[in-house]
């Protein structure tokens, strides 16, 4: 079984290597965790559900900080956390797992990102009540399924770039997140960038790169 970890990725592009666990065997994940220990490298594992976690070796499980909601695990101890740069907005509680994946990824990167949940446009007063807080962030990650109206509305209210994460929450024409994805891509509000359906990880990495560019002298 061969694999090559990209431990130098963070120096090269500004974001570290991470491991997508879906479609990997427990033995492959165990081997990757062992390699990370040898390299003395922190590691983020994504799409790791509870069933797959239980199939890992006891030594692997013992070393992981696992979160079932976001289906993420972190190998390595805590690091200093920066606050206030990124905010995460979830339209509904059904979108919370994807928002949590973004929050956990940012935490792995050293950014504490609060999740403002259940502020979809069906009750737009809920969003407006948090507007002052939302305008304080340098980057906002917006997570929504159904028709994805939150993306355009939010981008029309805040000065920060909005990273839109369409989710697979929905049914009928909104099934599997396609309507939300098309809504995000067709947004008439300036400053909306879009990642793939359910890709909280990708949104967090994009936010991290935006912050690094903003911090350049």
C-alpha atoms as a PDB file:
ATOM      1  CA  UNK A   1       0.000   0.000   0.000  1.00  0.00           C
ATOM      2  CA  UNK A   2       1.637   3.221  -1.176  1.00  0.00           C
ATOM      3  CA  UNK A   3       0.725   6.824  -0.456  1.00  0.00           C
ATOM      4  CA  UNK A   4       2.602  10.091  -0.519  1.00  0.00           C
ATOM      5  CA  UNK A   5       1.762  12.804   1.980  1.00  0.00           C
ATOM      6  CA  UNK A   6       2.339  16.402   0.964  1.00  0.00           C
ATOM      7  CA  UNK A   7       3.840  17.648   4.230  1.00  0.00           C
ATOM      8  CA  UNK A   8       5.382  20.703   2.526  1.00  0.00           C
ATOM      9  CA  UNK A   9       2.050  21.946   1.173  1.00  0.00           C
ATOM     10  CA  UNK A  10       1.623  24.581   3.863  1.00  0.00           C
ATOM     11  CA  UNK A  11       4.959  26.194   2.994  1.00  0.00           C
ATOM     12  CA  UNK A  12       4.198  26.005  -0.718  1.00  0.00           C
ATOM     13  CA  UNK A  13       0.588  27.200  -0.900  1.00  0.00           C
ATOM     14  CA  UNK A  14      -0.294  28.363   2.610  1.00  0.00           C
ATOM     15  CA  UNK A  15      -2.671  25.564   3.613  1.00  0.00           C
ATOM     16  CA  UNK A  16      -1.689  22.156   5.013  1.00  0.00           C
ATOM     17  CA  UNK A  17      -2.294  18.630   3.810  1.00  0.00           C
ATOM     18  CA  UNK A  18      -5.581  17.022   4.828  1.00  0.00           C
ATOM     19  CA  UNK A  19      -7.018  13.534   4.400  1.00  0.00           C
ATOM     20  CA  UNK A  20     -10.372  12.690   2.816  1.00  0.00           C
ATOM     21  CA  UNK A  21     -11.367   9.504   4.619  1.00  0.00           C
ATOM     22  CA  UNK A  22     -14.348   8.431   2.540  1.00  0.00           C
ATOM     23  CA  UNK A  23     -13.419   5.634   0.122  1.00  0.00           C
ATOM     24  CA  UNK A  24     -10.303   4.834   2.158  1.00  0.00           C
ATOM     25  CA  UNK A  25      -9.950   1.615   4.103  1.00  0.00           C
ATOM     26  CA  UNK A  26      -9.300   1.590   7.865  1.00  0.00           C
ATOM     27  CA  UNK A  27      -5.837   0.169   7.168  1.00  0.00           C
ATOM     28  CA  UNK A  28      -5.028   3.057   4.838  1.00  0.00           C
ATOM     29  CA  UNK A  29      -6.153   5.633   7.391  1.00  0.00           C
ATOM     30  CA  UNK A  30      -4.189   3.918  10.153  1.00  0.00           C
ATOM     31  CA  UNK A  31      -1.083   4.002   7.983  1.00  0.00           C
ATOM     32  CA  UNK A  32      -1.542   7.698   7.207  1.00  0.00           C
ATOM     33  CA  UNK A  33      -1.961   8.515  10.905  1.00  0.00           C
ATOM     34  CA  UNK A  34       1.205   6.548  11.683  1.00  0.00           C
ATOM     35  CA  UNK A  35       3.089   8.494   9.008  1.00  0.00           C
ATOM     36  CA  UNK A  36       1.888  11.774  10.494  1.00  0.00           C
ATOM     37  CA  UNK A  37       3.180  10.710  13.908  1.00  0.00           C
ATOM     38  CA  UNK A  38       6.601   9.939  12.416  1.00  0.00           C
ATOM     39  CA  UNK A  39       6.642  13.303  10.639  1.00  0.00           C
ATOM     40  CA  UNK A  40       5.470  15.017  13.852  1.00  0.00           C
ATOM     41  CA  UNK A  41       2.800  16.713  11.784  1.00  0.00           C
ATOM     42  CA  UNK A  42      -0.687  17.780  12.764  1.00  0.00           C
ATOM     43  CA  UNK A  43      -3.329  16.341  10.461  1.00  0.00           C
ATOM     44  CA  UNK A  44      -6.953  17.025   9.594  1.00  0.00           C
ATOM     45  CA  UNK A  45      -9.158  14.115   8.586  1.00  0.00           C
ATOM     46  CA  UNK A  46     -12.459  14.845   6.831  1.00  0.00           C
ATOM     47  CA  UNK A  47     -15.534  12.734   6.025  1.00  0.00           C
ATOM     48  CA  UNK A  48     -14.706  10.346   8.842  1.00  0.00           C
ATOM     49  CA  UNK A  49     -17.964   8.967  10.209  1.00  0.00           C
ATOM     50  CA  UNK A  50     -18.455   7.126  13.483  1.00  0.00           C
ATOM     51  CA  UNK A  51     -18.733   3.726  11.815  1.00  0.00           C
ATOM     52  CA  UNK A  52     -15.394   4.101  10.038  1.00  0.00           C
ATOM     53  CA  UNK A  53     -13.781   5.530  13.176  1.00  0.00           C
ATOM     54  CA  UNK A  54     -14.673   2.389  15.119  1.00  0.00           C
ATOM     55  CA  UNK A  55     -12.824   0.276  12.559  1.00  0.00           C
ATOM     56  CA  UNK A  56      -9.535   2.117  13.101  1.00  0.00           C
ATOM     57  CA  UNK A  57      -6.825   0.693  15.319  1.00  0.00           C
ATOM     58  CA  UNK A  58      -7.179   1.615  19.027  1.00  0.00           C
ATOM     59  CA  UNK A  59      -3.931   3.602  18.880  1.00  0.00           C
ATOM     60  CA  UNK A  60      -5.286   5.693  16.014  1.00  0.00           C
ATOM     61  CA  UNK A  61      -8.590   6.383  17.754  1.00  0.00           C
ATOM     62  CA  UNK A  62      -6.835   7.369  20.954  1.00  0.00           C
ATOM     63  CA  UNK A  63      -4.841  10.071  19.189  1.00  0.00           C
ATOM     64  CA  UNK A  64      -7.773  11.705  17.397  1.00  0.00           C
ATOM     65  CA  UNK A  65     -10.007  14.581  18.448  1.00  0.00           C
ATOM     66  CA  UNK A  66     -13.167  13.380  16.679  1.00  0.00           C
ATOM     67  CA  UNK A  67     -16.366  15.333  16.040  1.00  0.00           C
ATOM     68  CA  UNK A  68     -19.297  13.258  14.809  1.00  0.00           C
ATOM     69  CA  UNK A  69     -21.425  16.165  13.540  1.00  0.00           C
ATOM     70  CA  UNK A  70     -18.786  17.569  11.180  1.00  0.00           C
ATOM     71  CA  UNK A  71     -17.299  14.117  10.519  1.00  0.00           C
ATOM     72  CA  UNK A  72     -13.816  15.477  11.144  1.00  0.00           C
ATOM     73  CA  UNK A  73     -10.902  14.427  13.333  1.00  0.00           C
ATOM     74  CA  UNK A  74      -7.750  16.280  14.264  1.00  0.00           C
ATOM     75  CA  UNK A  75      -4.430  14.628  15.024  1.00  0.00           C
ATOM     76  CA  UNK A  76      -2.195  16.806  17.160  1.00  0.00           C
ATOM     77  CA  UNK A  77      -2.625  19.094  20.113  1.00  0.00           C
ATOM     78  CA  UNK A  78      -4.355  22.469  20.261  1.00  0.00           C
ATOM     79  CA  UNK A  79      -2.736  25.559  18.794  1.00  0.00           C
ATOM     80  CA  UNK A  80      -3.236  29.281  19.515  1.00  0.00           C
ATOM     81  CA  UNK A  81      -6.504  30.548  18.064  1.00  0.00           C
ATOM     82  CA  UNK A  82      -7.134  33.850  16.290  1.00  0.00           C
ATOM     83  CA  UNK A  83     -10.604  35.316  16.715  1.00  0.00           C
ATOM     84  CA  UNK A  84     -12.887  37.595  14.796  1.00  0.00           C
ATOM     85  CA  UNK A  85     -11.685  37.159  11.221  1.00  0.00           C
ATOM     86  CA  UNK A  86     -14.165  34.610   9.856  1.00  0.00           C
ATOM     87  CA  UNK A  87     -17.856  34.137  10.523  1.00  0.00           C
ATOM     88  CA  UNK A  88     -19.977  31.204   9.373  1.00  0.00           C
ATOM     89  CA  UNK A  89     -23.672  31.651   8.600  1.00  0.00           C
ATOM     90  CA  UNK A  90     -25.976  28.632   8.247  1.00  0.00           C
ATOM     91  CA  UNK A  91     -29.439  29.135   6.795  1.00  0.00           C
ATOM     92  CA  UNK A  92     -31.002  26.334   8.838  1.00  0.00           C
ATOM     93  CA  UNK A  93     -30.156  23.718  11.415  1.00  0.00           C
ATOM     94  CA  UNK A  94     -30.107  21.115   8.635  1.00  0.00           C
ATOM     95  CA  UNK A  95     -27.084  22.938   7.220  1.00  0.00           C
ATOM     96  CA  UNK A  96     -25.222  22.754  10.532  1.00  0.00           C
ATOM     97  CA  UNK A  97     -23.055  19.667   9.731  1.00  0.00           C
ATOM     98  CA  UNK A  98     -21.544  21.390   6.698  1.00  0.00           C
ATOM     99  CA  UNK A  99     -21.071  24.614   8.661  1.00  0.00           C
ATOM    100  CA  UNK A 100     -19.386  22.555  11.375  1.00  0.00           C
ATOM    101  CA  UNK A 101     -16.969  21.057   8.865  1.00  0.00           C
ATOM    102  CA  UNK A 102     -15.955  24.592   7.909  1.00  0.00           C
ATOM    103  CA  UNK A 103     -15.602  25.613  11.573  1.00  0.00           C
ATOM    104  CA  UNK A 104     -13.519  22.568  12.465  1.00  0.00           C
ATOM    105  CA  UNK A 105     -11.260  23.095   9.460  1.00  0.00           C
ATOM    106  CA  UNK A 106     -10.708  26.701  10.491  1.00  0.00           C
ATOM    107  CA  UNK A 107     -10.010  25.605  14.063  1.00  0.00           C
ATOM    108  CA  UNK A 108      -7.373  23.205  12.732  1.00  0.00           C
ATOM    109  CA  UNK A 109      -5.854  26.190  10.907  1.00  0.00           C
ATOM    110  CA  UNK A 110      -5.892  28.352  14.036  1.00  0.00           C
ATOM    111  CA  UNK A 111      -9.019  30.444  13.453  1.00  0.00           C
ATOM    112  CA  UNK A 112     -11.966  30.451  15.821  1.00  0.00           C
ATOM    113  CA  UNK A 113     -15.046  30.963  13.640  1.00  0.00           C
ATOM    114  CA  UNK A 114     -18.462  31.306  15.266  1.00  0.00           C
ATOM    115  CA  UNK A 115     -21.445  29.672  13.571  1.00  0.00           C
ATOM    116  CA  UNK A 116     -24.541  31.840  13.326  1.00  0.00           C
ATOM    117  CA  UNK A 117     -27.242  29.266  12.649  1.00  0.00           C
ATOM    118  CA  UNK A 118     -30.882  29.296  11.566  1.00  0.00           C
ATOM    119  CA  UNK A 119     -30.897  32.739   9.927  1.00  0.00           C
ATOM    120  CA  UNK A 120     -32.331  31.803   6.532  1.00  0.00           C
ATOM    121  CA  UNK A 121     -34.300  34.268   4.461  1.00  0.00           C
ATOM    122  CA  UNK A 122     -37.682  32.701   5.252  1.00  0.00           C
ATOM    123  CA  UNK A 123     -37.462  34.722   8.490  1.00  0.00           C
ATOM    124  CA  UNK A 124     -35.125  37.447   7.333  1.00  0.00           C
ATOM    125  CA  UNK A 125     -35.476  39.380  10.599  1.00  0.00           C
ATOM    126  CA  UNK A 126     -33.251  36.702  12.162  1.00  0.00           C
ATOM    127  CA  UNK A 127     -30.456  37.626   9.772  1.00  0.00           C
ATOM    128  CA  UNK A 128     -30.991  41.352  10.213  1.00  0.00           C
ATOM    129  CA  UNK A 129     -30.752  40.994  13.983  1.00  0.00           C
ATOM    130  CA  UNK A 130     -27.167  39.717  13.568  1.00  0.00           C
ATOM    131  CA  UNK A 131     -26.141  42.200  10.893  1.00  0.00           C
ATOM    132  CA  UNK A 132     -23.797  44.291  13.047  1.00  0.00           C
ATOM    133  CA  UNK A 133     -21.892  41.167  14.042  1.00  0.00           C
ATOM    134  CA  UNK A 134     -21.790  39.877  10.464  1.00  0.00           C
ATOM    135  CA  UNK A 135     -20.339  43.155   9.208  1.00  0.00           C
ATOM    136  CA  UNK A 136     -17.389  42.792  11.581  1.00  0.00           C
ATOM    137  CA  UNK A 137     -15.913  39.735   9.847  1.00  0.00           C
ATOM    138  CA  UNK A 138     -13.184  39.898   7.199  1.00  0.00           C
ATOM    139  CA  UNK A 139     -14.621  36.822   5.443  1.00  0.00           C
ATOM    140  CA  UNK A 140     -18.092  35.279   5.731  1.00  0.00           C
ATOM    141  CA  UNK A 141     -18.842  31.663   4.861  1.00  0.00           C
ATOM    142  CA  UNK A 142     -22.527  31.185   3.978  1.00  0.00           C
ATOM    143  CA  UNK A 143     -24.012  27.688   4.095  1.00  0.00           C
ATOM    144  CA  UNK A 144     -27.462  27.045   2.615  1.00  0.00           C
ATOM    145  CA  UNK A 145     -29.511  24.475   0.780  1.00  0.00           C
ATOM    146  CA  UNK A 146     -32.987  24.624  -0.788  1.00  0.00           C
ATOM    147  CA  UNK A 147     -32.968  27.605  -3.208  1.00  0.00           C
ATOM    148  CA  UNK A 148     -29.801  29.165  -1.746  1.00  0.00           C
ATOM    149  CA  UNK A 149     -31.259  32.667  -1.475  1.00  0.00           C
ATOM    150  CA  UNK A 150     -29.086  33.425   1.556  1.00  0.00           C
ATOM    151  CA  UNK A 151     -25.977  33.884  -0.577  1.00  0.00           C
ATOM    152  CA  UNK A 152     -27.209  36.890  -2.574  1.00  0.00           C
ATOM    153  CA  UNK A 153     -29.000  38.488   0.359  1.00  0.00           C
ATOM    154  CA  UNK A 154     -25.976  38.242   2.636  1.00  0.00           C
ATOM    155  CA  UNK A 155     -23.522  39.483   0.004  1.00  0.00           C
ATOM    156  CA  UNK A 156     -25.746  42.534  -0.481  1.00  0.00           C
ATOM    157  CA  UNK A 157     -25.498  43.403   3.220  1.00  0.00           C
ATOM    158  CA  UNK A 158     -21.868  42.871   4.284  1.00  0.00           C
ATOM    159  CA  UNK A 159     -18.566  44.330   3.015  1.00  0.00           C
ATOM    160  CA  UNK A 160     -16.660  41.050   3.326  1.00  0.00           C
ATOM    161  CA  UNK A 161     -16.325  38.494   0.542  1.00  0.00           C
ATOM    162  CA  UNK A 162     -18.930  35.734   0.905  1.00  0.00           C
ATOM    163  CA  UNK A 163     -17.878  32.137   0.304  1.00  0.00           C
ATOM    164  CA  UNK A 164     -21.057  30.295  -0.662  1.00  0.00           C
ATOM    165  CA  UNK A 165     -21.410  26.637   0.281  1.00  0.00           C
ATOM    166  CA  UNK A 166     -24.523  25.083  -1.271  1.00  0.00           C
ATOM    167  CA  UNK A 167     -25.714  22.067   0.683  1.00  0.00           C
ATOM    168  CA  UNK A 168     -27.570  18.945  -0.375  1.00  0.00           C
ATOM    169  CA  UNK A 169     -30.447  19.909   1.942  1.00  0.00           C
ATOM    170  CA  UNK A 170     -33.626  20.057  -0.128  1.00  0.00           C
ATOM    171  CA  UNK A 171     -36.165  18.082  -2.106  1.00  0.00           C
ATOM    172  CA  UNK A 172     -37.975  18.292  -5.432  1.00  0.00           C
ATOM    173  CA  UNK A 173     -36.125  20.741  -7.697  1.00  0.00           C
ATOM    174  CA  UNK A 174     -33.867  21.546  -4.727  1.00  0.00           C
ATOM    175  CA  UNK A 175     -32.741  17.943  -4.342  1.00  0.00           C
ATOM    176  CA  UNK A 176     -29.025  17.234  -3.845  1.00  0.00           C
ATOM    177  CA  UNK A 177     -28.085  20.923  -3.667  1.00  0.00           C
ATOM    178  CA  UNK A 178     -28.226  21.662  -7.382  1.00  0.00           C
ATOM    179  CA  UNK A 179     -30.678  24.564  -7.073  1.00  0.00           C
ATOM    180  CA  UNK A 180     -28.585  26.134  -4.303  1.00  0.00           C
ATOM    181  CA  UNK A 181     -25.442  25.689  -6.401  1.00  0.00           C
ATOM    182  CA  UNK A 182     -27.012  27.327  -9.449  1.00  0.00           C
ATOM    183  CA  UNK A 183     -28.336  30.160  -7.283  1.00  0.00           C
ATOM    184  CA  UNK A 184     -24.864  30.804  -5.886  1.00  0.00           C
ATOM    185  CA  UNK A 185     -23.253  30.749  -9.324  1.00  0.00           C
ATOM    186  CA  UNK A 186     -25.908  33.059 -10.765  1.00  0.00           C
ATOM    187  CA  UNK A 187     -25.883  35.531  -7.874  1.00  0.00           C
ATOM    188  CA  UNK A 188     -26.269  39.177  -8.863  1.00  0.00           C
ATOM    189  CA  UNK A 189     -24.650  40.356  -5.613  1.00  0.00           C
ATOM    190  CA  UNK A 190     -20.965  41.209  -6.020  1.00  0.00           C
ATOM    191  CA  UNK A 191     -18.375  39.411  -3.939  1.00  0.00           C
ATOM    192  CA  UNK A 192     -19.837  35.882  -3.911  1.00  0.00           C
ATOM    193  CA  UNK A 193     -17.413  33.032  -4.565  1.00  0.00           C
ATOM    194  CA  UNK A 194     -18.663  29.454  -4.693  1.00  0.00           C
ATOM    195  CA  UNK A 195     -17.341  26.057  -3.637  1.00  0.00           C
ATOM    196  CA  UNK A 196     -18.767  22.633  -4.335  1.00  0.00           C
ATOM    197  CA  UNK A 197     -21.911  21.208  -2.730  1.00  0.00           C
ATOM    198  CA  UNK A 198     -21.401  20.328   0.966  1.00  0.00           C
ATOM    199  CA  UNK A 199     -17.759  21.462   0.772  1.00  0.00           C
ATOM    200  CA  UNK A 200     -17.301  23.168   4.137  1.00  0.00           C
ATOM    201  CA  UNK A 201     -13.645  22.148   4.064  1.00  0.00           C
ATOM    202  CA  UNK A 202     -13.041  23.935   0.772  1.00  0.00           C
ATOM    203  CA  UNK A 203     -14.781  27.073   1.995  1.00  0.00           C
ATOM    204  CA  UNK A 204     -12.573  27.184   5.083  1.00  0.00           C
ATOM    205  CA  UNK A 205      -9.420  26.770   3.004  1.00  0.00           C
ATOM    206  CA  UNK A 206     -10.544  29.573   0.678  1.00  0.00           C
ATOM    207  CA  UNK A 207     -11.194  31.831   3.675  1.00  0.00           C
ATOM    208  CA  UNK A 208      -7.735  31.050   5.046  1.00  0.00           C
ATOM    209  CA  UNK A 209      -6.105  32.020   1.745  1.00  0.00           C
ATOM    210  CA  UNK A 210      -8.108  35.256   1.622  1.00  0.00           C
ATOM    211  CA  UNK A 211      -6.883  36.160   5.093  1.00  0.00           C
ATOM    212  CA  UNK A 212      -3.268  35.423   4.167  1.00  0.00           C
ATOM    213  CA  UNK A 213      -3.509  37.740   1.165  1.00  0.00           C
ATOM    214  CA  UNK A 214      -5.082  40.464   3.313  1.00  0.00           C
ATOM    215  CA  UNK A 215      -2.219  40.160   5.829  1.00  0.00           C
ATOM    216  CA  UNK A 216       0.502  40.729   3.242  1.00  0.00           C
ATOM    217  CA  UNK A 217       2.394  44.023   3.668  1.00  0.00           C
END
